[in-house]
N, C-alpha and C. Protein backbone atom coordinates (compact mmCIF):
# COMPACT_ATOMS: atom_id res chain seq x y z
N UNK A 1 10.31 16.96 -2.08
CA UNK A 1 10.66 15.41 -2.20
C UNK A 1 12.07 16.16 -1.76
N UNK A 2 12.61 16.93 -1.21
CA UNK A 2 14.02 17.29 -0.66
C UNK A 2 14.09 16.68 0.44
N UNK A 3 15.21 15.18 0.19
CA UNK A 3 15.43 14.43 1.57
C UNK A 3 14.81 13.21 0.81
N UNK A 4 14.19 13.12 0.24
CA UNK A 4 13.56 11.81 -0.33
C UNK A 4 14.56 10.87 -1.29
N UNK A 5 14.78 9.90 -0.72
CA UNK A 5 15.18 8.62 -1.22
C UNK A 5 14.61 8.12 -2.11
N UNK A 6 15.44 7.17 -3.38
CA UNK A 6 14.86 5.91 -3.58
C UNK A 6 15.80 4.65 -3.53
N UNK A 7 15.13 3.27 -4.07
CA UNK A 7 16.06 2.14 -3.54
C UNK A 7 15.56 1.22 -4.46
N UNK A 8 16.33 -0.04 -4.57
CA UNK A 8 15.97 -1.32 -4.97
C UNK A 8 16.44 -2.06 -3.90
N UNK A 9 15.18 -3.12 -4.05
CA UNK A 9 15.94 -4.48 -3.67
C UNK A 9 15.36 -5.49 -4.72
N UNK A 10 15.86 -6.72 -4.00
CA UNK A 10 15.91 -7.83 -4.38
C UNK A 10 14.22 -9.00 -3.98
N UNK A 11 13.67 -8.83 -4.78
CA UNK A 11 12.10 -9.29 -4.14
C UNK A 11 11.49 -10.59 -5.11
N UNK A 12 11.66 -11.80 -4.54
CA UNK A 12 10.69 -12.87 -4.94
C UNK A 12 11.54 -12.95 -6.94
N UNK A 13 13.43 -12.60 -6.78
CA UNK A 13 14.11 -12.75 -7.81
C UNK A 13 13.62 -11.58 -8.69
N UNK A 14 13.45 -10.35 -8.81
CA UNK A 14 13.12 -9.27 -9.24
C UNK A 14 13.76 -8.03 -8.58
N UNK A 15 13.96 -7.15 -9.04
CA UNK A 15 14.00 -5.85 -8.63
C UNK A 15 13.05 -5.08 -8.29
N UNK A 16 12.66 -4.57 -7.23
CA UNK A 16 11.35 -3.99 -6.80
C UNK A 16 12.41 -2.53 -6.47
N UNK A 17 11.76 -1.68 -7.06
CA UNK A 17 11.84 -0.24 -6.61
C UNK A 17 11.22 0.83 -5.45
N UNK A 18 11.56 1.61 -4.84
CA UNK A 18 10.44 2.42 -4.36
C UNK A 18 10.90 3.41 -3.90
N UNK A 19 10.46 4.59 -3.75
CA UNK A 19 10.53 5.97 -2.94
C UNK A 19 10.14 6.55 -2.08
N UNK A 20 11.23 6.96 -0.93
CA UNK A 20 10.97 7.00 0.28
C UNK A 20 11.24 8.28 1.21
N UNK A 21 10.63 8.97 1.80
CA UNK A 21 11.00 9.85 2.73
C UNK A 21 11.29 9.78 3.75
N UNK A 22 11.79 9.33 3.93
CA UNK A 22 12.68 8.75 5.41
C UNK A 22 12.43 9.16 6.76
N UNK A 23 13.51 8.81 7.82
CA UNK A 23 12.81 9.26 8.75
C UNK A 23 12.79 8.41 9.93
N UNK A 24 13.69 8.53 11.35
CA UNK A 24 12.89 7.97 11.93
C UNK A 24 11.48 8.15 12.98
N UNK A 25 10.62 7.80 11.97
CA UNK A 25 9.00 7.75 12.36
C UNK A 25 8.56 6.77 11.74
N UNK A 26 7.12 6.35 12.71
CA UNK A 26 6.37 5.51 12.18
C UNK A 26 6.14 5.06 10.55
N UNK A 27 6.36 3.66 10.09
CA UNK A 27 6.37 3.68 8.44
C UNK A 27 4.64 3.55 8.12
N UNK A 28 5.02 4.10 6.81
CA UNK A 28 3.75 4.04 6.43
C UNK A 28 3.67 3.71 4.61
N UNK A 29 3.27 2.62 4.39
CA UNK A 29 3.12 2.31 2.80
C UNK A 29 2.45 2.08 1.93
N UNK A 30 2.40 3.19 0.78
CA UNK A 30 1.58 3.21 0.44
C UNK A 30 1.92 2.64 -1.42
N UNK A 31 0.52 1.52 -1.47
CA UNK A 31 0.41 0.49 -3.16
C UNK A 31 -0.37 1.43 -4.31
N UNK A 32 0.10 1.42 -4.91
CA UNK A 32 -0.76 2.07 -6.51
C UNK A 32 -1.43 1.14 -6.81
N UNK A 33 -2.07 1.61 -7.69
CA UNK A 33 -3.17 1.04 -8.63
C UNK A 33 -2.68 0.24 -9.91
N UNK A 34 -3.62 -0.22 -10.60
CA UNK A 34 -2.79 -1.17 -12.03
C UNK A 34 -2.18 0.20 -13.04
N UNK A 35 -1.15 0.37 -13.67
CA UNK A 35 -1.21 1.61 -14.57
C UNK A 35 -0.15 2.30 -14.47
N UNK A 36 -0.10 2.35 -12.55
CA UNK A 36 0.51 4.04 -12.41
C UNK A 36 1.77 3.03 -12.13
N UNK A 37 2.49 4.23 -10.49
CA UNK A 37 4.00 3.67 -9.84
C UNK A 37 3.99 4.57 -8.68
N UNK A 38 4.75 3.96 -7.23
CA UNK A 38 4.56 4.58 -6.00
C UNK A 38 4.84 6.19 -6.14
N UNK A 39 5.39 6.83 -7.66
CA UNK A 39 5.42 8.47 -7.48
C UNK A 39 3.95 9.02 -7.48
N UNK A 40 2.62 8.14 -7.73
CA UNK A 40 1.77 8.72 -7.87
C UNK A 40 0.69 9.04 -6.34
N UNK A 41 1.44 8.63 -5.13
CA UNK A 41 1.29 9.14 -4.26
C UNK A 41 2.28 10.27 -3.65
N UNK A 42 3.36 10.92 -4.35
CA UNK A 42 3.50 12.07 -4.24
C UNK A 42 2.82 13.07 -3.25
N UNK A 43 1.77 13.14 -3.69
CA UNK A 43 0.65 14.90 -2.73
C UNK A 43 0.67 14.43 -1.30
N UNK A 44 0.16 12.96 -1.36
CA UNK A 44 -0.27 12.49 0.08
C UNK A 44 0.93 11.86 1.14
N UNK A 45 1.93 12.12 0.27
CA UNK A 45 3.40 11.53 1.01
C UNK A 45 3.88 13.33 1.52
N UNK A 46 3.67 14.04 0.85
CA UNK A 46 3.87 15.38 1.28
C UNK A 46 3.29 15.87 2.70
N UNK A 47 2.04 15.35 2.72
CA UNK A 47 0.77 15.17 3.93
C UNK A 47 1.11 15.45 4.74
N UNK A 48 2.10 13.44 4.42
CA UNK A 48 2.13 12.44 5.85
C UNK A 48 3.69 12.97 6.44
N UNK A 49 4.48 13.23 5.31
CA UNK A 49 6.00 13.22 5.79
C UNK A 49 6.49 13.27 6.92
N UNK A 50 5.98 14.47 7.44
CA UNK A 50 6.39 15.36 8.68
C UNK A 50 6.64 14.39 9.99
N UNK A 51 5.34 13.67 9.72
CA UNK A 51 5.02 12.58 11.22
C UNK A 51 5.53 11.08 10.48
N UNK A 52 5.68 10.74 9.62
CA UNK A 52 5.82 9.25 8.72
C UNK A 52 6.74 9.34 7.96
N UNK A 53 7.58 8.19 8.01
CA UNK A 53 8.29 7.61 6.67
C UNK A 53 7.64 6.89 5.81
N UNK A 54 7.50 7.16 4.85
CA UNK A 54 6.31 7.03 4.11
C UNK A 54 7.46 6.04 2.55
N UNK A 55 6.90 5.11 2.52
CA UNK A 55 7.15 4.66 1.55
C UNK A 55 6.40 4.24 0.26
N UNK A 56 6.90 3.99 -1.14
CA UNK A 56 6.18 4.21 -2.01
C UNK A 56 7.13 3.43 -3.43
N UNK A 57 6.39 1.76 -2.88
CA UNK A 57 6.75 0.85 -4.18
C UNK A 57 5.92 0.99 -5.12
N UNK A 58 7.36 0.41 -6.94
CA UNK A 58 6.40 0.09 -7.57
C UNK A 58 6.12 -1.11 -7.99
N UNK A 59 5.18 -1.48 -7.88
CA UNK A 59 4.92 -2.75 -7.93
C UNK A 59 5.60 -3.38 -9.02
N UNK A 60 5.51 -4.33 -8.82
CA UNK A 60 6.64 -5.65 -10.50
C UNK A 60 5.52 -5.49 -11.91
N UNK A 61 6.56 -4.75 -12.74
CA UNK A 61 5.94 -4.72 -14.06
C UNK A 61 5.48 -2.85 -13.70
N UNK A 62 5.76 -2.26 -13.16
CA UNK A 62 5.10 -1.41 -12.78
C UNK A 62 6.25 -0.13 -12.47
N UNK A 63 6.50 1.28 -13.26
CA UNK A 63 7.56 2.09 -12.75
C UNK A 63 9.06 1.36 -13.04
N UNK A 64 10.01 1.52 -12.19
CA UNK A 64 11.29 1.19 -12.54
C UNK A 64 11.79 -0.11 -11.86
N UNK A 65 10.08 -0.80 -11.75
CA UNK A 65 10.62 -2.13 -11.14
C UNK A 65 10.73 -3.16 -12.18
N UNK A 66 10.73 -4.55 -11.80
CA UNK A 66 11.23 -5.36 -12.83
C UNK A 66 9.85 -5.93 -13.88
N UNK A 67 10.11 -6.27 -15.00
CA UNK A 67 8.98 -6.83 -15.35
C UNK A 67 9.24 -8.75 -16.30
N UNK A 68 8.69 -9.01 -14.74
CA UNK A 68 8.82 -10.22 -15.20
C UNK A 68 7.79 -11.07 -16.25
N UNK A 69 8.38 -12.36 -16.89
CA UNK A 69 7.24 -12.64 -17.69
C UNK A 69 5.76 -13.33 -17.33
N UNK A 70 6.32 -13.29 -15.93
CA UNK A 70 4.78 -14.52 -15.43
C UNK A 70 5.09 -14.05 -13.94
N UNK A 71 3.96 -14.58 -13.07
CA UNK A 71 3.58 -13.74 -11.65
C UNK A 71 3.30 -12.36 -11.28
N UNK A 72 1.65 -12.57 -11.72
CA UNK A 72 1.13 -11.23 -11.22
C UNK A 72 0.03 -11.56 -10.95
N UNK A 73 0.04 -12.78 -10.03
CA UNK A 73 -1.27 -12.93 -8.63
C UNK A 73 -1.05 -12.03 -7.67
N UNK A 74 -2.24 -11.80 -7.08
CA UNK A 74 -2.40 -11.02 -5.74
C UNK A 74 -1.22 -11.38 -4.63
N UNK A 75 -1.16 -12.84 -4.78
CA UNK A 75 -0.11 -13.50 -4.06
C UNK A 75 1.34 -13.34 -4.43
N UNK A 76 1.36 -13.38 -5.61
CA UNK A 76 3.27 -12.56 -6.05
C UNK A 76 3.19 -11.25 -5.69
N UNK A 77 2.34 -10.35 -5.37
CA UNK A 77 2.28 -9.17 -5.48
C UNK A 77 2.50 -8.67 -3.51
N UNK A 78 1.54 -9.62 -3.18
CA UNK A 78 1.80 -9.18 -1.44
C UNK A 78 2.93 -10.02 -1.14
N UNK A 79 3.95 -11.16 -1.94
CA UNK A 79 5.26 -11.10 -1.11
C UNK A 79 6.01 -10.67 -1.52
N UNK A 80 5.66 -9.90 -2.56
CA UNK A 80 6.62 -8.44 -2.95
C UNK A 80 6.81 -7.56 -1.83
N UNK A 81 5.56 -7.02 -1.16
CA UNK A 81 5.42 -6.05 0.08
C UNK A 81 5.76 -6.38 1.58
N UNK A 82 5.85 -7.60 1.29
CA UNK A 82 6.21 -8.68 2.56
C UNK A 82 7.85 -7.98 2.14
N UNK A 83 8.26 -8.74 1.39
CA UNK A 83 9.76 -8.95 1.18
C UNK A 83 10.14 -7.48 1.61
N UNK A 84 9.64 -6.29 0.67
CA UNK A 84 9.86 -5.20 0.94
C UNK A 84 10.28 -4.94 2.02
N UNK A 85 9.09 -5.17 3.70
CA UNK A 85 8.82 -4.85 4.94
C UNK A 85 10.08 -5.18 5.51
N UNK A 86 10.55 -6.49 5.21
CA UNK A 86 11.95 -7.11 5.66
C UNK A 86 13.05 -6.68 5.28
N UNK A 87 13.21 -6.27 4.10
CA UNK A 87 14.38 -5.52 3.26
C UNK A 87 14.67 -4.48 3.86
N UNK A 88 13.50 -3.42 4.44
CA UNK A 88 13.68 -1.75 4.61
C UNK A 88 13.71 -1.96 6.50
N UNK A 89 13.42 -3.01 7.00
CA UNK A 89 13.66 -3.74 8.65
C UNK A 89 11.91 -3.08 8.96
N UNK A 90 11.10 -2.46 8.48
CA UNK A 90 9.77 -2.13 8.95
C UNK A 90 9.87 -2.56 9.62
N UNK A 91 9.06 -2.20 11.14
CA UNK A 91 8.14 -2.52 12.34
C UNK A 91 6.83 -2.15 12.15
N UNK A 92 5.63 -3.19 11.66
CA UNK A 92 4.42 -3.21 11.93
C UNK A 92 4.42 -1.66 11.34
N UNK A 93 4.33 -1.69 10.24
CA UNK A 93 3.75 -0.76 9.37
C UNK A 93 1.87 -0.48 9.06
N UNK A 94 2.11 0.73 8.56
CA UNK A 94 0.01 1.18 7.94
C UNK A 94 0.49 0.17 6.52
N UNK A 95 -0.59 0.15 6.27
CA UNK A 95 -0.46 -0.49 4.55
C UNK A 95 -1.49 0.08 4.22
N UNK A 96 -1.41 1.16 2.83
CA UNK A 96 -2.70 1.51 2.43
C UNK A 96 -2.49 0.98 0.96
N UNK A 97 -3.65 0.70 0.17
CA UNK A 97 -3.45 0.25 -1.03
C UNK A 97 -4.64 0.69 -1.89
N UNK A 98 -4.41 0.99 -3.09
CA UNK A 98 -5.68 1.48 -3.92
C UNK A 98 -5.49 0.76 -4.92
N UNK A 99 -6.80 0.30 -5.31
CA UNK A 99 -7.02 -0.54 -6.08
C UNK A 99 -6.15 -1.17 -6.55
N UNK A 100 -5.29 -1.72 -7.27
CA UNK A 100 -4.65 -3.24 -7.61
C UNK A 100 -3.83 -3.18 -5.95
N UNK A 101 -3.51 -2.07 -5.29
CA UNK A 101 -3.01 -2.00 -4.46
C UNK A 101 -3.58 -2.29 -2.90
N UNK A 102 -4.73 -2.15 -3.12
CA UNK A 102 -5.84 -2.38 -2.58
C UNK A 102 -6.33 -3.84 -1.83
N UNK A 103 -5.97 -4.66 -3.11
CA UNK A 103 -6.25 -5.84 -3.10
C UNK A 103 -4.92 -6.69 -2.80
N UNK A 104 -3.88 -5.66 -2.95
CA UNK A 104 -2.56 -6.28 -2.44
C UNK A 104 -2.13 -6.31 -1.19
N UNK A 105 -2.51 -5.24 -0.41
CA UNK A 105 -3.20 -4.87 0.59
C UNK A 105 -3.70 -5.83 1.69
N UNK A 106 -4.68 -6.27 1.27
CA UNK A 106 -5.82 -7.11 1.32
C UNK A 106 -5.19 -8.49 1.76
N UNK A 107 -4.60 -8.85 0.72
CA UNK A 107 -3.98 -10.64 0.83
C UNK A 107 -2.91 -9.80 1.60
N UNK A 108 -1.80 -9.39 1.90
CA UNK A 108 -0.88 -9.31 2.97
C UNK A 108 -1.67 -9.19 4.17
N UNK A 109 -2.70 -8.12 4.61
CA UNK A 109 -3.06 -8.30 5.96
C UNK A 109 -4.06 -9.35 6.19
N UNK A 110 -4.49 -10.20 5.26
CA UNK A 110 -4.95 -11.82 5.87
C UNK A 110 -3.74 -12.47 5.50
N UNK A 111 -2.68 -12.72 5.09
CA UNK A 111 -1.63 -13.78 5.02
C UNK A 111 -0.97 -13.38 6.34
N UNK A 112 -0.66 -12.11 6.84
CA UNK A 112 0.49 -12.10 7.68
C UNK A 112 0.15 -10.29 8.78
N UNK A 113 -1.20 -10.68 9.45
CA UNK A 113 -1.90 -9.81 10.28
C UNK A 113 -0.80 -9.28 11.45
N UNK A 114 -0.10 -9.83 11.52
CA UNK A 114 0.94 -9.30 13.22
C UNK A 114 2.00 -8.59 12.23
N UNK A 115 2.21 -8.57 11.26
CA UNK A 115 3.02 -7.55 10.54
C UNK A 115 2.46 -6.28 10.74
N UNK A 116 1.58 -6.20 10.54
CA UNK A 116 1.22 -4.25 10.45
C UNK A 116 0.41 -3.94 11.91
N UNK A 117 0.32 -2.40 11.66
CA UNK A 117 -0.66 -2.24 12.70
C UNK A 117 -1.46 -1.29 12.28
N UNK A 118 -1.84 -1.29 10.74
CA UNK A 118 -3.18 -0.88 10.12
C UNK A 118 -3.47 -1.08 8.75
N UNK A 119 -4.31 -0.77 8.14
CA UNK A 119 -4.71 -1.18 7.01
C UNK A 119 -5.61 0.00 6.21
N UNK A 120 -5.12 0.12 5.44
CA UNK A 120 -6.40 0.99 4.40
C UNK A 120 -6.51 0.94 3.03
N UNK A 121 -7.84 0.62 2.81
CA UNK A 121 -8.13 0.12 1.35
C UNK A 121 -8.89 0.56 1.08
N UNK A 122 -8.39 1.43 -0.33
CA UNK A 122 -9.02 2.73 -0.86
C UNK A 122 -9.47 1.76 -2.79
N UNK A 123 -10.60 0.76 -2.81
CA UNK A 123 -11.60 1.10 -3.74
C UNK A 123 -10.56 -0.80 -4.06
N UNK A 124 -10.40 -1.73 -3.13
CA UNK A 124 -9.56 -2.21 -3.69
C UNK A 124 -10.59 -3.07 -4.72
N UNK A 125 -9.17 -4.10 -5.13
CA UNK A 125 -10.45 -5.11 -6.86
C UNK A 125 -10.56 -6.52 -6.03
N UNK A 126 -11.39 -6.60 -5.94
CA UNK A 126 -11.77 -8.00 -5.54
C UNK A 126 -12.62 -8.91 -6.32
N UNK A 127 -11.74 -9.91 -6.75
CA UNK A 127 -12.06 -10.40 -8.23
C UNK A 127 -12.70 -11.44 -7.74
N UNK A 128 -12.39 -12.89 -6.70
CA UNK A 128 -12.17 -13.92 -6.88
C UNK A 128 -13.98 -13.89 -6.44
N UNK A 129 -15.04 -14.91 -6.27
CA UNK A 129 -15.78 -15.52 -5.72
C UNK A 129 -16.26 -15.70 -4.28
N UNK A 130 -14.75 -15.80 -3.85
CA UNK A 130 -14.85 -16.20 -2.68
C UNK A 130 -14.41 -14.59 -1.95
N UNK A 131 -13.78 -14.24 -2.27
CA UNK A 131 -13.25 -12.87 -1.67
C UNK A 131 -14.58 -11.95 -1.95
N UNK A 132 -15.12 -12.31 -3.04
CA UNK A 132 -16.29 -11.38 -2.82
C UNK A 132 -17.61 -11.24 -1.89
N UNK A 133 -17.60 -12.92 -1.63
CA UNK A 133 -18.57 -12.70 -0.34
C UNK A 133 -17.86 -12.40 0.68
N UNK A 134 -16.56 -12.50 1.27
CA UNK A 134 -15.76 -12.36 2.06
C UNK A 134 -16.76 -10.61 2.58
N UNK A 135 -16.45 -10.29 1.37
CA UNK A 135 -16.50 -8.65 1.45
C UNK A 135 -18.24 -8.21 1.87
N UNK A 136 -18.75 -8.96 0.52
CA UNK A 136 -20.41 -8.58 1.43
C UNK A 136 -20.78 -8.83 2.37
N UNK A 137 -20.06 -10.16 3.28
CA UNK A 137 -20.60 -10.41 4.39
C UNK A 137 -19.56 -9.23 5.51
N UNK A 138 -18.93 -8.37 4.82
CA UNK A 138 -17.92 -7.60 6.42
C UNK A 138 -19.04 -6.16 6.06
N UNK A 139 -18.17 -5.39 6.67
CA UNK A 139 -18.85 -4.06 6.52
C UNK A 139 -18.02 -3.16 5.55
N UNK A 140 -17.41 -3.78 4.55
CA UNK A 140 -16.16 -3.15 3.71
C UNK A 140 -16.96 -2.56 2.69
N UNK A 141 -18.13 -2.85 1.86
CA UNK A 141 -18.36 -2.53 1.23
C UNK A 141 -19.72 -1.18 1.38
N UNK A 142 -20.29 -1.03 2.93
CA UNK A 142 -20.78 -0.22 3.29
C UNK A 142 -19.57 1.36 3.30
N UNK A 143 -18.28 0.69 4.23
CA UNK A 143 -17.63 1.84 4.13
C UNK A 143 -17.08 2.66 2.53
N UNK A 144 -17.14 1.20 1.50
CA UNK A 144 -16.63 1.91 0.11
C UNK A 144 -17.69 2.96 0.07
N UNK A 145 -19.17 2.39 0.04
CA UNK A 145 -19.83 3.72 -0.54
C UNK A 145 -19.96 5.11 0.23
N UNK A 146 -19.83 5.04 1.39
CA UNK A 146 -19.36 6.12 1.98
C UNK A 146 -18.39 7.23 1.36
N UNK A 147 -17.33 6.09 0.89
CA UNK A 147 -15.70 6.70 1.36
C UNK A 147 -16.10 7.40 -0.87
N UNK A 148 -17.15 6.94 -1.53
CA UNK A 148 -17.35 7.46 -2.82
C UNK A 148 -17.88 8.71 -3.12
N UNK A 149 -18.71 8.94 -1.70
CA UNK A 149 -19.33 9.85 -1.51
C UNK A 149 -18.86 11.53 -1.15
N UNK A 150 -17.60 10.69 -0.29
CA UNK A 150 -16.76 11.89 0.08
C UNK A 150 -15.86 12.96 -1.14
N UNK A 151 -15.68 13.99 -0.92
CA UNK A 151 -14.78 14.66 -1.21
C UNK A 151 -13.27 14.27 -1.10
N UNK A 152 -12.31 14.72 -1.97
CA UNK A 152 -10.77 14.01 -2.24
C UNK A 152 -10.23 14.74 -1.09
N UNK A 153 -10.28 16.15 -0.59
CA UNK A 153 -9.66 16.47 0.42
C UNK A 153 -10.50 15.89 2.08
N UNK A 154 -11.34 15.84 1.80
CA UNK A 154 -11.98 14.69 3.11
C UNK A 154 -11.24 13.79 3.26
N UNK A 155 -11.04 12.93 2.06
CA UNK A 155 -10.82 11.14 2.00
C UNK A 155 -9.19 12.02 2.93
N UNK A 156 -8.21 12.15 2.08
CA UNK A 156 -7.44 12.89 2.63
C UNK A 156 -6.84 13.06 3.80
N UNK A 157 -8.07 13.84 4.83
CA UNK A 157 -8.11 13.97 6.39
C UNK A 157 -8.57 12.97 6.36
N UNK A 158 -9.26 11.78 6.40
CA UNK A 158 -9.58 10.76 7.06
C UNK A 158 -8.39 9.73 7.74
N UNK A 159 -7.78 9.91 5.98
CA UNK A 159 -6.60 8.80 6.00
C UNK A 159 -5.40 9.20 7.25
N UNK A 160 -5.17 10.65 6.80
CA UNK A 160 -4.20 11.07 7.69
C UNK A 160 -4.43 10.92 9.86
N UNK A 161 -5.89 11.18 9.95
CA UNK A 161 -6.80 10.97 11.14
C UNK A 161 -6.50 9.23 11.67
N UNK A 162 -6.66 8.44 10.50
CA UNK A 162 -6.72 7.27 10.70
C UNK A 162 -5.21 6.82 11.04
N UNK A 163 -4.08 7.15 10.21
CA UNK A 163 -2.70 6.89 10.94
C UNK A 163 -2.40 7.32 11.64
N UNK A 164 -2.74 8.75 12.05
CA UNK A 164 -3.01 9.26 13.45
C UNK A 164 -2.72 8.64 15.05
N UNK A 165 -4.01 8.26 14.41
CA UNK A 165 -4.64 7.09 15.66
C UNK A 165 -4.01 6.15 16.00
N UNK A 166 -3.29 5.30 14.84
CA UNK A 166 -2.80 4.46 15.02
C UNK A 166 -1.13 4.01 15.63
N UNK A 167 -0.80 5.78 15.43
CA UNK A 167 0.55 5.88 16.29
C UNK A 167 1.01 5.34 17.45
């Protein structure tokens, strides 16, 4: 984590904290799952930092970010990510999200497809019946089943290869 920085910015009335590898490289934003924080991505960020500017925000109510009394819908979480992209002046980042972060990433992509270079969803929490139908009608469920049968090292290599292809 030598050379990494931390920062905070205002998004939708609350402070959002992030960890960043930095550098003039293509940006990759990593969104964590429920009950975690951005630092959970440290092992993957170490693998990516040579070639990418990796940004790991703490979602609202997690880590060092603000804890509002309400506003925890995926639309709120997605608005925070869009605010992060704007606050840091990121140009078409790749967005990777796991679990809650995966669903947040999916919402960001569905509302702002022009702002992203790529999207990686790892075990997203598709909760609403409408979103479940959308997933069922796509190939996401088959992709999810394939990923569940992969070893973690192979998943990290596949993520790295995908991000590299989007460069």
